[in-house]
Each structure stands twice: as C-alpha cells, then as structure tokens.
Amino acid sequence: MAALLHEVCASRAWAAAVAAGRPYGSVDALLAAAEEAMAGLTDADLAEAMAAHPPIGRPKPGDATSAREQSGVGEAERARLLELNRAYQERHGHVFLIYATGRGGEEMLAALNERIGNDTDTEREIVRTELGKINRNRLARLMTMDEGGGER
C-alpha cells in the first residue's frame, strides 16, 4: 500500500496519513482522507511532494503517468514552458506545479505567466490545491485498475 500511495504523492507524511485511515468504506471516503492529508502538509512535506514532479514540458523519461498527464503539451510550447519554468523555479524554489490533465500547452503557458509573479505564500497554497487535484486524479485512476495494472 505504501508503494502505491508513494506513486500517487511523494510526500511521506501524506502517504502515512492516508494509509493510517485504512480501510476506507468507499472511494469518496478515501478521496476525502487524501484531501485532509493534503491540507495538513507542512512546507517541507509540500517540498518533498513537489520534488518528485518533473517540469511541465519535460515528462520523466519512461514515466507513463508523467507523460499521460502532460500529453497536452505540444512541441511548439515545450521550449517556452521550460524557459518560464526555470524563471519560476528561481523565484519560488520549486518547479511550476499545475494539474495538467486535459490542459493544452497554451493554457499551461498562460497559467505559468499568471502565477510566476505571485508571492511565495500565495503560490504555496495554489500548489497545494493543484497537487491535491493531481493526487485525486491519480487515486481515482488507481481505484479503476485491475490487479494486473490495466484499466477495468
């Protein structure tokens, strides 16, 4: 269970909090626990979770989840996203994190341009929300997989 939760979110505190509530009576109960665990993360816990996320525009090689979530990024946007992500990272100390599933590259560029000027506290709370969406999506996907790892 711990390994599966770590694939969803790299924060050990988040995974421990979600695992501690087992067994869950429903998917909704699991998702509620995941949101509660996200709300309780410290800045260090958030940093641990964010460190596992590749920059938008450069999915982790061989990571199907990363590639799937960033599939809306086309070659035309990739270089600009990476350039802006470097500037964002210099300003905020971590990669730009956004719930990318279903979003195109232009939409993510617009969000990055909008958020790069945020103060660090505001951005931390936006990141917490975005990470919560990512975790929710990954948990829901995990719940629909069969024992062999395929979609039900």
Protein backbone atom coordinates (compact mmCIF):
# COMPACT_ATOMS: atom_id res chain seq x y z
CA MET A 1 0.00 0.00 0.00
CA ALA A 2 2.78 2.44 0.90
CA ALA A 3 4.42 1.98 -2.52
CA LEU A 4 1.16 2.67 -4.33
CA LEU A 5 0.49 5.78 -2.26
CA HIS A 6 4.04 6.98 -2.88
CA GLU A 7 3.37 6.73 -6.62
CA VAL A 8 0.36 9.00 -6.11
CA CYS A 9 2.23 11.54 -3.96
CA ALA A 10 5.89 11.56 -2.94
CA SER A 11 5.18 13.13 0.45
CA ARG A 12 5.81 10.50 3.12
CA ALA A 13 3.57 12.41 5.54
CA TRP A 14 0.70 12.39 3.04
CA ALA A 15 1.09 8.66 2.33
CA ALA A 16 1.28 7.84 6.05
CA ALA A 17 -1.84 9.87 6.82
CA VAL A 18 -3.83 8.24 4.01
CA ALA A 19 -2.61 4.74 4.91
CA ALA A 20 -3.44 5.29 8.58
CA GLY A 21 -7.14 5.67 7.78
CA ARG A 22 -7.49 2.28 6.12
CA PRO A 23 -9.75 0.55 5.43
CA TYR A 24 -11.98 3.04 3.66
CA GLY A 25 -15.62 2.27 3.17
CA SER A 26 -15.82 3.99 -0.19
CA VAL A 27 -13.77 5.77 -2.82
CA ASP A 28 -15.30 9.04 -1.62
CA ALA A 29 -14.01 8.35 1.90
CA LEU A 30 -10.53 7.66 0.51
CA LEU A 31 -10.58 10.87 -1.52
CA ALA A 32 -11.77 12.87 1.49
CA ALA A 33 -8.91 11.44 3.57
CA ALA A 34 -6.45 12.34 0.81
CA GLU A 35 -7.71 15.93 0.79
CA GLU A 36 -7.48 16.13 4.57
CA ALA A 37 -3.93 14.78 4.45
CA MET A 38 -3.04 17.37 1.80
CA ALA A 39 -4.39 20.18 3.97
CA GLY A 40 -2.17 19.04 6.83
CA LEU A 41 1.12 19.03 4.93
CA THR A 42 3.87 21.30 6.16
CA ASP A 43 6.01 23.38 3.79
CA ALA A 44 8.70 20.66 3.98
CA ASP A 45 6.12 17.97 3.13
CA LEU A 46 4.95 20.00 0.12
CA ALA A 47 8.56 20.44 -0.99
CA GLU A 48 9.08 16.68 -0.77
CA ALA A 49 5.98 16.08 -2.90
CA MET A 50 6.91 18.71 -5.49
CA ALA A 51 10.46 17.41 -5.84
CA ALA A 52 9.07 14.28 -7.50
CA HIS A 53 7.31 16.24 -10.24
CA PRO A 54 9.15 16.92 -13.49
CA PRO A 55 8.92 20.35 -15.10
CA ILE A 56 5.90 20.91 -17.33
CA GLY A 57 7.12 20.27 -20.86
CA ARG A 58 9.63 17.62 -19.87
CA PRO A 59 7.96 14.46 -18.51
CA LYS A 60 10.19 11.96 -16.73
CA PRO A 61 11.64 9.55 -19.30
CA GLY A 62 9.91 6.19 -19.05
CA ASP A 63 7.24 7.50 -16.66
CA ALA A 64 3.87 6.75 -18.25
CA THR A 65 1.97 8.77 -15.61
CA SER A 66 4.05 11.88 -16.21
CA ALA A 67 3.76 11.51 -19.99
CA ARG A 68 -0.01 10.96 -19.82
CA GLU A 69 -0.59 13.95 -17.54
CA GLN A 70 1.50 16.24 -19.78
CA SER A 71 0.16 14.92 -23.08
CA GLY A 72 -1.46 18.27 -23.89
CA VAL A 73 1.95 19.93 -24.29
CA GLY A 74 2.96 20.17 -27.92
CA GLU A 75 6.44 20.72 -29.30
CA ALA A 76 5.60 24.36 -30.01
CA GLU A 77 5.03 25.11 -26.32
CA ARG A 78 7.68 22.83 -24.82
CA ALA A 79 10.69 25.17 -25.05
CA ARG A 80 8.75 28.19 -23.78
CA LEU A 81 7.34 26.21 -20.84
CA LEU A 82 10.80 25.01 -19.87
CA GLU A 83 12.23 28.53 -20.10
CA LEU A 84 9.45 30.02 -17.96
CA ASN A 85 9.63 27.10 -15.54
CA ARG A 86 13.31 27.89 -14.91
CA ALA A 87 12.40 31.51 -14.10
CA TYR A 88 9.53 30.32 -11.89
CA GLN A 89 11.84 27.90 -10.09
CA GLU A 90 14.38 30.65 -9.44
CA ARG A 91 11.65 32.83 -7.95
CA HIS A 92 9.78 30.19 -5.91
CA GLY A 93 12.38 27.47 -5.30
CA HIS A 94 10.43 24.61 -6.92
CA VAL A 95 9.01 23.51 -10.25
CA PHE A 96 5.81 25.04 -11.52
CA LEU A 97 3.11 22.59 -10.49
CA ILE A 98 -0.24 22.51 -12.23
CA TYR A 99 -2.95 19.91 -12.72
CA ALA A 100 -2.05 19.29 -16.36
CA THR A 101 -4.51 16.52 -17.25
CA GLY A 102 -6.78 17.74 -20.01
CA ARG A 103 -4.97 21.07 -20.39
CA GLY A 104 -3.20 22.18 -23.51
CA GLY A 105 0.21 23.76 -23.65
CA GLU A 106 -1.15 27.25 -24.33
CA GLU A 107 -3.40 27.05 -21.28
CA MET A 108 -0.49 25.95 -19.09
CA LEU A 109 1.70 28.73 -20.51
CA ALA A 110 -0.99 31.26 -19.62
CA ALA A 111 -1.23 29.88 -16.06
CA LEU A 112 2.54 29.94 -15.67
CA ASN A 113 2.73 33.53 -16.89
CA GLU A 114 -0.04 34.47 -14.46
CA ARG A 115 1.42 32.67 -11.44
CA ILE A 116 5.11 33.48 -11.84
CA GLY A 117 4.59 36.90 -10.22
CA ASN A 118 2.77 35.55 -7.16
CA ASP A 119 4.36 35.88 -3.74
CA THR A 120 5.68 32.64 -2.31
CA ASP A 121 2.89 32.18 0.27
CA THR A 122 0.15 32.61 -2.33
CA GLU A 123 1.93 30.27 -4.70
CA ARG A 124 2.40 27.63 -1.99
CA GLU A 125 -1.36 27.48 -1.43
CA ILE A 126 -2.05 27.30 -5.18
CA VAL A 127 0.47 24.45 -5.39
CA ARG A 128 -1.27 22.67 -2.50
CA THR A 129 -4.57 22.89 -4.42
CA GLU A 130 -3.01 21.74 -7.70
CA LEU A 131 -1.20 18.86 -6.00
CA GLY A 132 -4.48 17.84 -4.37
CA LYS A 133 -6.12 17.67 -7.81
CA ILE A 134 -3.23 15.59 -9.15
CA ASN A 135 -3.43 13.21 -6.19
CA ARG A 136 -7.21 12.91 -6.52
CA ASN A 137 -6.89 12.05 -10.21
CA ARG A 138 -4.13 9.52 -9.56
CA LEU A 139 -6.08 7.87 -6.72
CA ALA A 140 -9.24 7.66 -8.82
CA ARG A 141 -7.24 6.11 -11.66
CA LEU A 142 -5.62 3.67 -9.25
CA MET A 143 -9.04 2.64 -7.99
CA THR A 144 -10.14 1.74 -11.53
CA MET A 145 -7.16 -0.52 -12.27
CA ASP A 146 -7.34 -4.26 -12.14
CA GLU A 147 -4.76 -6.34 -10.29
CA GLY A 148 -2.57 -6.54 -13.41
CA GLY A 149 -2.34 -2.74 -13.63
CA GLY A 150 -4.76 -2.37 -16.55
CA GLU A 151 -7.93 -0.28 -16.70
CA ARG A 152 -11.11 -2.02 -15.60
